[in-house]
Protein backbone atom coordinates (compact mmCIF):
# COMPACT_ATOMS: atom_id res chain seq x y z
CA MET A 1 0.00 0.00 0.00
CA LEU A 2 1.29 3.44 -0.95
CA LYS A 3 1.52 5.57 2.18
CA ARG A 4 0.61 9.24 1.84
CA LYS A 5 2.88 11.65 3.69
CA VAL A 6 1.15 13.93 6.21
CA PHE A 7 3.01 16.78 7.92
CA VAL A 8 1.44 17.96 11.20
CA ASP A 9 2.48 21.53 12.02
CA GLY A 10 2.04 22.56 15.65
CA VAL A 11 2.07 18.98 16.90
CA GLU A 12 2.92 20.25 20.39
CA THR A 13 -0.44 22.07 20.75
CA PRO A 14 -3.57 20.40 22.18
CA VAL A 15 -5.09 20.19 18.69
CA GLY A 16 -1.86 18.83 17.21
CA LEU A 17 -1.42 16.25 19.97
CA THR A 18 -5.03 15.10 19.59
CA LEU A 19 -4.70 14.79 15.84
CA TRP A 20 -1.36 12.97 16.02
CA GLY A 21 -2.80 10.48 18.49
CA LEU A 22 -5.73 9.75 16.18
CA LEU A 23 -3.56 9.30 13.07
CA ARG A 24 -0.45 7.57 14.37
CA ASN A 25 -1.80 4.01 13.96
CA ARG A 26 -3.05 4.51 10.41
CA SER A 27 -1.23 2.12 8.09
CA ASP A 28 -2.08 4.25 5.04
CA LEU A 29 -0.25 7.35 6.33
CA GLU A 30 3.33 8.36 7.05
CA LEU A 31 3.34 11.15 9.64
CA SER A 32 6.00 13.80 10.09
CA CYS A 33 6.48 16.90 12.22
CA TYR A 34 9.16 19.46 13.00
CA GLU A 35 11.14 18.61 16.15
CA PRO A 36 13.55 21.44 17.08
CA PHE A 37 15.91 19.22 19.09
CA VAL A 38 16.18 16.81 16.16
CA HIS A 39 15.93 19.03 13.08
CA GLU A 40 17.31 22.44 14.09
CA GLY A 41 20.37 23.27 12.04
CA ARG A 42 19.81 20.29 9.74
CA VAL A 43 16.45 20.74 8.06
CA SER A 44 13.76 23.43 8.32
CA ARG A 45 10.08 23.16 9.10
CA ILE A 46 9.37 24.45 5.60
CA ASP A 47 11.52 21.73 4.00
CA ILE A 48 9.71 18.95 5.90
CA ALA A 49 6.33 20.40 4.96
CA ARG A 50 7.25 20.62 1.28
CA GLU A 51 8.07 16.91 1.18
CA ALA A 52 4.57 15.93 2.36
CA ASP A 53 1.44 15.22 0.35
CA PHE A 54 -0.69 16.97 2.98
CA ALA A 55 0.10 19.59 5.63
CA ILE A 56 -2.29 19.95 8.57
CA LEU A 57 -1.81 23.29 10.34
CA CYS A 58 -2.52 23.12 14.09
CA GLY A 59 -0.44 26.01 15.47
CA ASN A 60 -1.42 29.64 15.90
CA ALA A 61 -2.60 31.66 12.92
CA SER A 62 0.51 33.83 12.55
CA SER A 63 2.87 30.85 12.52
CA SER A 64 0.62 28.98 10.08
CA LEU A 65 0.33 32.03 7.83
CA GLU A 66 4.11 32.27 7.69
CA LEU A 67 4.34 28.61 6.66
CA LEU A 68 1.59 29.01 4.06
CA GLY A 69 3.64 31.72 2.41
CA HIS A 70 6.24 29.07 1.50
CA LEU A 71 3.79 26.38 0.35
CA HIS A 72 2.32 27.84 -2.83
CA GLU A 73 3.28 24.56 -4.45
CA GLY A 74 3.62 21.18 -2.82
CA PRO A 75 1.33 19.74 -0.15
CA ARG A 76 -2.40 20.19 -0.01
CA ILE A 77 -3.39 22.16 3.09
CA ILE A 78 -5.85 21.46 5.90
CA ASP A 79 -5.87 24.52 8.16
CA THR A 80 -7.28 24.38 11.70
CA SER A 81 -5.48 27.58 12.74
CA GLY A 82 -7.63 30.19 11.00
CA ALA A 83 -4.75 31.40 8.83
CA TYR A 84 -6.92 30.73 5.76
CA LEU A 85 -9.06 33.73 6.69
CA SER A 86 -6.33 36.00 5.33
CA GLY A 87 -7.50 35.25 1.81
CA GLY A 88 -7.15 32.87 -1.07
CA ASP A 89 -9.23 30.10 -2.57
CA VAL A 90 -10.45 27.98 0.37
CA VAL A 91 -13.13 25.29 0.75
CA CYS A 92 -15.10 24.97 4.00
CA GLY A 93 -13.96 21.82 5.80
CA LEU A 94 -17.41 20.78 7.05
CA PRO A 95 -18.69 17.91 4.83
CA GLU A 96 -22.28 18.67 5.86
CA PHE A 97 -21.99 22.35 4.83
CA PHE A 98 -24.13 21.49 1.82
CA ARG A 99 -24.80 18.35 -0.19
CA GLU A 100 -21.98 18.83 -2.73
CA ASN A 101 -19.36 20.02 -0.26
CA SER A 102 -17.59 16.67 0.02
CA ALA A 103 -16.88 16.82 -3.71
CA LEU A 104 -15.32 20.28 -3.29
CA ILE A 105 -13.19 19.12 -0.36
CA ARG A 106 -12.01 16.12 -2.39
CA GLU A 107 -10.52 18.39 -5.07
CA ALA A 108 -9.47 21.32 -2.88
CA ARG A 109 -5.95 22.70 -2.58
CA VAL A 110 -6.72 24.40 0.76
CA VAL A 111 -9.43 23.36 3.23
CA GLY A 112 -10.31 25.60 6.18
CA ILE A 113 -11.57 24.01 9.40
CA PRO A 114 -13.75 26.41 11.45
CA ASN A 115 -13.13 26.20 15.19
CA ALA A 116 -15.70 24.78 17.60
CA VAL A 117 -17.82 27.90 18.21
CA ALA A 118 -17.83 28.76 14.52
CA SER A 119 -18.56 25.15 13.45
CA ALA A 120 -21.59 24.92 15.74
CA SER A 121 -22.87 28.37 14.78
CA ILE A 122 -22.41 27.74 11.05
CA SER A 123 -24.13 24.36 11.32
CA LEU A 124 -27.15 25.96 12.99
CA LEU A 125 -27.39 29.10 10.85
CA HIS A 126 -26.13 28.19 7.38
CA PRO A 127 -29.13 26.01 6.40
CA LEU A 128 -31.50 28.79 7.47
CA PHE A 129 -29.62 31.45 5.51
CA GLU A 130 -29.22 29.19 2.48
CA ALA A 131 -32.95 28.39 2.37
CA GLY A 132 -33.94 32.04 2.83
CA TYR A 133 -35.64 31.49 6.19
CA LEU A 134 -33.93 34.31 8.11
CA ALA A 135 -35.06 37.88 7.58
CA PRO A 136 -32.35 40.57 7.34
CA ARG A 137 -34.04 42.93 9.81
CA LEU A 138 -32.79 41.83 13.24
CA PRO A 139 -29.26 40.88 14.35
CA ILE A 140 -28.50 37.30 15.37
CA SER A 141 -27.10 36.80 18.89
CA ILE A 142 -24.83 33.84 19.63
CA HIS A 143 -23.82 32.82 23.14
CA ALA A 144 -21.05 30.24 23.66
CA VAL A 145 -19.27 28.59 26.57
CA GLN A 146 -16.03 26.69 26.02
CA GLY A 147 -13.63 24.64 28.10
CA TYR A 148 -10.34 26.30 28.97
CA SER A 149 -8.49 24.14 26.43
CA ALA A 150 -9.90 26.56 23.85
CA LEU A 151 -7.52 29.21 25.21
CA GLU A 152 -4.61 26.78 24.95
CA ALA A 153 -5.15 25.75 21.35
CA SER A 154 -1.87 27.32 20.30
CA GLU A 155 0.07 26.79 23.53
CA THR A 156 1.96 23.94 25.14
CA ARG A 157 1.33 23.20 28.81
CA SER A 158 2.63 20.47 31.06
CA ARG A 159 0.26 18.04 32.74
CA ALA A 160 0.95 19.75 36.07
CA GLU A 161 -0.01 23.16 34.64
CA THR A 162 -3.18 21.74 33.10
CA ALA A 163 -4.13 19.98 36.33
CA ALA A 164 -3.53 23.12 38.36
CA ARG A 165 -5.70 25.15 36.00
CA ALA A 166 -8.47 22.55 36.22
CA GLU A 167 -8.68 23.09 39.98
CA ARG A 168 -9.26 26.83 39.61
CA ALA A 169 -12.55 28.51 38.81
CA VAL A 170 -11.87 30.15 35.45
CA PHE A 171 -15.25 31.28 34.21
CA ARG A 172 -14.80 34.54 32.35
CA THR A 173 -16.09 36.38 29.32
CA LEU A 174 -13.65 36.92 26.48
CA GLN A 175 -12.98 40.35 25.02
CA THR A 176 -14.05 41.18 21.48
CA THR A 177 -10.51 40.77 20.19
CA SER A 178 -10.44 37.19 21.48
CA ILE A 179 -13.45 36.16 19.41
CA ASP A 180 -12.40 37.85 16.17
CA ARG A 181 -11.63 34.51 14.50
CA GLU A 182 -15.04 33.01 15.33
CA LEU A 183 -16.89 36.02 13.97
CA ARG A 184 -14.83 36.07 10.80
CA GLU A 185 -15.43 32.36 10.21
CA ILE A 186 -19.16 32.59 10.85
CA LYS A 187 -19.48 35.54 8.47
CA ARG A 188 -17.25 33.92 5.86
CA TRP A 189 -19.33 30.77 5.58
CA THR A 190 -22.86 32.05 6.26
CA ARG A 191 -22.58 35.48 4.59
CA PRO A 192 -25.37 36.96 6.74
CA PRO A 193 -27.19 40.08 5.55
CA GLN A 194 -27.63 41.21 9.16
CA ALA A 195 -25.28 41.81 12.08
CA ILE A 196 -23.96 38.87 14.10
CA GLN A 197 -23.39 39.41 17.82
CA LEU A 198 -21.19 36.88 19.61
CA ALA A 199 -20.48 36.48 23.33
CA THR A 200 -18.03 33.74 24.34
CA SER A 201 -17.11 32.64 27.84
CA ILE A 202 -14.56 30.21 29.23
CA GLY A 203 -15.82 27.73 31.84
CA ASN A 204 -14.02 25.76 34.55
CA PHE A 205 -13.95 22.52 32.57
CA ALA A 206 -11.22 21.26 30.28
CA ARG A 207 -12.88 20.62 26.94
CA GLY A 208 -16.21 20.94 25.21
CA THR A 209 -18.26 23.74 23.65
CA ALA A 210 -21.90 24.74 24.00
CA VAL A 211 -23.54 27.29 21.70
CA HIS A 212 -26.98 28.90 22.13
CA ILE A 213 -28.80 31.07 19.59
CA PRO A 214 -32.17 32.58 20.61
CA LEU A 215 -34.55 32.47 17.65
CA PHE A 216 -37.73 34.52 17.43
CA GLN A 217 -40.54 34.51 14.93
CA SER A 218 -39.49 38.06 14.05
CA ASN A 219 -36.10 36.66 12.91
CA LEU A 220 -37.85 34.69 10.18
CA THR A 221 -39.32 35.75 6.87
CA PRO A 222 -43.14 36.20 6.88
CA HIS A 223 -43.84 32.86 5.20
CA HIS A 224 -41.80 30.73 7.63
CA THR A 225 -42.37 29.67 11.23
CA LEU A 226 -40.16 28.30 13.99
CA GLU A 227 -41.59 24.87 13.19
CA ASP A 228 -40.45 25.29 9.58
CA ALA A 229 -36.95 26.24 10.72
CA TYR A 230 -36.66 23.23 13.01
CA SER A 231 -37.95 20.89 10.29
CA LEU A 232 -35.40 22.28 7.84
CA LEU A 233 -32.51 21.49 10.19
CA GLU A 234 -33.80 17.94 10.63
CA ARG A 235 -33.95 17.41 6.87
CA TRP A 236 -30.58 19.05 6.23
CA TYR A 237 -28.71 16.63 8.51
CA LEU A 238 -30.93 13.58 8.04
CA ASP A 239 -28.21 11.50 6.32
CA SER A 240 -25.26 12.71 8.40
CA CYS A 241 -23.37 10.14 10.46
CA HIS A 242 -22.01 12.70 12.91
CA VAL A 243 -24.54 15.53 13.15
CA ARG A 244 -27.63 14.78 15.20
CA VAL A 245 -30.69 17.01 15.47
CA THR A 246 -32.94 16.71 18.54
CA ARG A 247 -36.27 18.49 18.92
CA GLY A 248 -38.44 18.97 21.97
CA ALA A 249 -37.98 20.05 25.56
CA THR A 250 -34.58 20.68 27.09
CA PRO A 251 -33.27 17.42 28.63
CA ALA A 252 -34.06 17.18 32.34
CA ASP A 253 -30.38 17.13 33.26
CA GLY A 254 -29.49 19.92 30.82
CA ILE A 255 -27.12 19.75 27.86
CA ALA A 256 -23.80 18.53 29.28
CA VAL A 257 -20.89 19.19 26.94
CA GLY A 258 -18.78 16.46 28.53
CA GLU A 259 -20.97 13.74 27.05
CA VAL A 260 -19.52 14.35 23.56
CA SER A 261 -15.85 14.53 24.61
CA ASP A 262 -13.46 12.46 22.47
CA THR A 263 -16.06 12.09 19.73
CA ASN A 264 -16.78 13.53 16.31
CA ILE A 265 -20.42 14.13 17.23
CA LEU A 266 -22.06 17.52 16.78
CA GLU A 267 -25.43 17.57 18.51
CA LEU A 268 -27.92 20.25 17.51
CA TYR A 269 -31.03 21.05 19.56
CA CYS A 270 -34.23 22.80 18.49
CA LEU A 271 -35.86 23.83 21.76
CA PRO A 272 -39.04 25.72 22.69
CA GLY A 273 -38.81 29.21 24.09
CA SER A 274 -40.81 31.03 26.71
CA SER A 275 -43.65 31.69 24.26
CA GLU A 276 -44.95 30.50 20.90
CA GLU A 277 -43.03 33.35 19.28
CA SER A 278 -39.63 32.27 20.60
CA GLY A 279 -37.32 29.29 20.46
CA LEU A 280 -33.72 28.31 21.07
CA LEU A 281 -31.13 26.71 18.81
CA ALA A 282 -28.36 24.97 20.73
CA ALA A 283 -25.35 22.81 19.99
CA ARG A 284 -22.66 20.87 21.81
CA LEU A 285 -19.40 19.40 20.55
CA ASP A 286 -15.85 18.59 21.63
CA ASN A 287 -13.64 21.58 20.79
CA LEU A 288 -10.55 19.35 20.38
CA GLY A 289 -12.48 16.71 18.44
CA ARG A 290 -15.30 17.77 16.15
CA GLY A 291 -14.17 21.38 16.57
CA SER A 292 -10.66 20.80 15.22
CA ALA A 293 -8.75 17.49 15.08
CA ARG A 294 -11.53 15.12 14.01
CA ALA A 295 -12.91 17.67 11.55
CA ALA A 296 -9.43 17.84 10.00
CA ILE A 297 -9.34 14.04 9.74
CA GLN A 298 -12.74 14.07 8.06
CA ALA A 299 -11.35 16.46 5.45
CA LEU A 300 -8.18 14.39 5.05
CA ASN A 301 -10.22 11.21 4.49
CA ILE A 302 -12.29 12.89 1.80
CA MET A 303 -9.17 14.28 0.08
CA LEU A 304 -7.78 10.72 0.12
CA ASP A 305 -11.05 9.56 -1.50
CA ARG A 306 -12.11 7.68 1.60
CA ARG A 307 -15.34 7.95 3.53
CA ALA A 308 -15.37 11.00 5.81
CA ASP A 309 -15.81 8.83 8.93
CA PHE A 310 -12.94 6.40 8.19
CA ALA A 311 -10.91 5.50 11.33
CA LEU A 312 -12.03 8.59 13.20
CA ASP A 313 -11.31 6.98 16.58
CA GLY A 314 -7.68 6.45 15.67
CA CYS A 315 -8.03 2.80 14.68
CA LEU A 316 -9.55 0.96 11.72
CA GLN A 317 -13.18 0.20 12.39
CA PRO A 318 -16.41 -0.50 10.47
CA GLU A 319 -17.42 2.62 8.61
CA CYS A 320 -20.65 4.39 9.40
CA ARG A 321 -23.41 3.33 7.01
């Protein structure tokens, strides 16, 4: 079997470590990364990347953007860093974005992976924008809570540092500058005619993301109802192996983000509001899984002409039917 070469940039970050762990046992891939203690003075990060068939960017955006500047030819790119937002011809890395998106990913030179908050928000809003259900009059408000690993996506921390942080209460609201990437990704892939307002907080748990979007009848065009919007989301993701849509009352024990940790599952909820004129769209996903590493593997599988769900748990397993 011909092994395809995959360079993982930023392998020391939480996203990079998660992705490396999921790919390292794949017999169809040959992984590489830049190790300063091994390669410094002998070979550069750029040289290693150029030798690969695919480069998956897991570091911070500025570092990834610098690398991209040297990879105009060579490997195909899967970018989880957000560097792709600086411009260029990019395909959205969510296979469920629309029915033909897998075909675009398969042929793409550069695939951009939205982060967890953006992925959930896009998945909830894009079908409604695409079908013309949302009126352009009122802004859309998005509220998100993430685990503190979201702040460490481009950092390296020891186990002791991570454990110490886990014991502290770290619930806080991020400043506007901290959520610039999410807003840019949401706007890039939904192209909303109205304003998008986003508030993101960091909770005192390690990983996971919850997103809530209040939806009112006044947000919809005159010929559509909340029931229509919920039914559209059900139909849109009906054949998806990894996106689930649940309708009805909020679960009695709430929507716990920890229940989707270490999975590629994105769960969407269509919930009733306080009146017939209001509702709530909600989502939960693992920010290091579906929100980055596993989404990148989905894209890689499609670019290799495999099923999107192939070996997503890091080992060969029966594919989702």
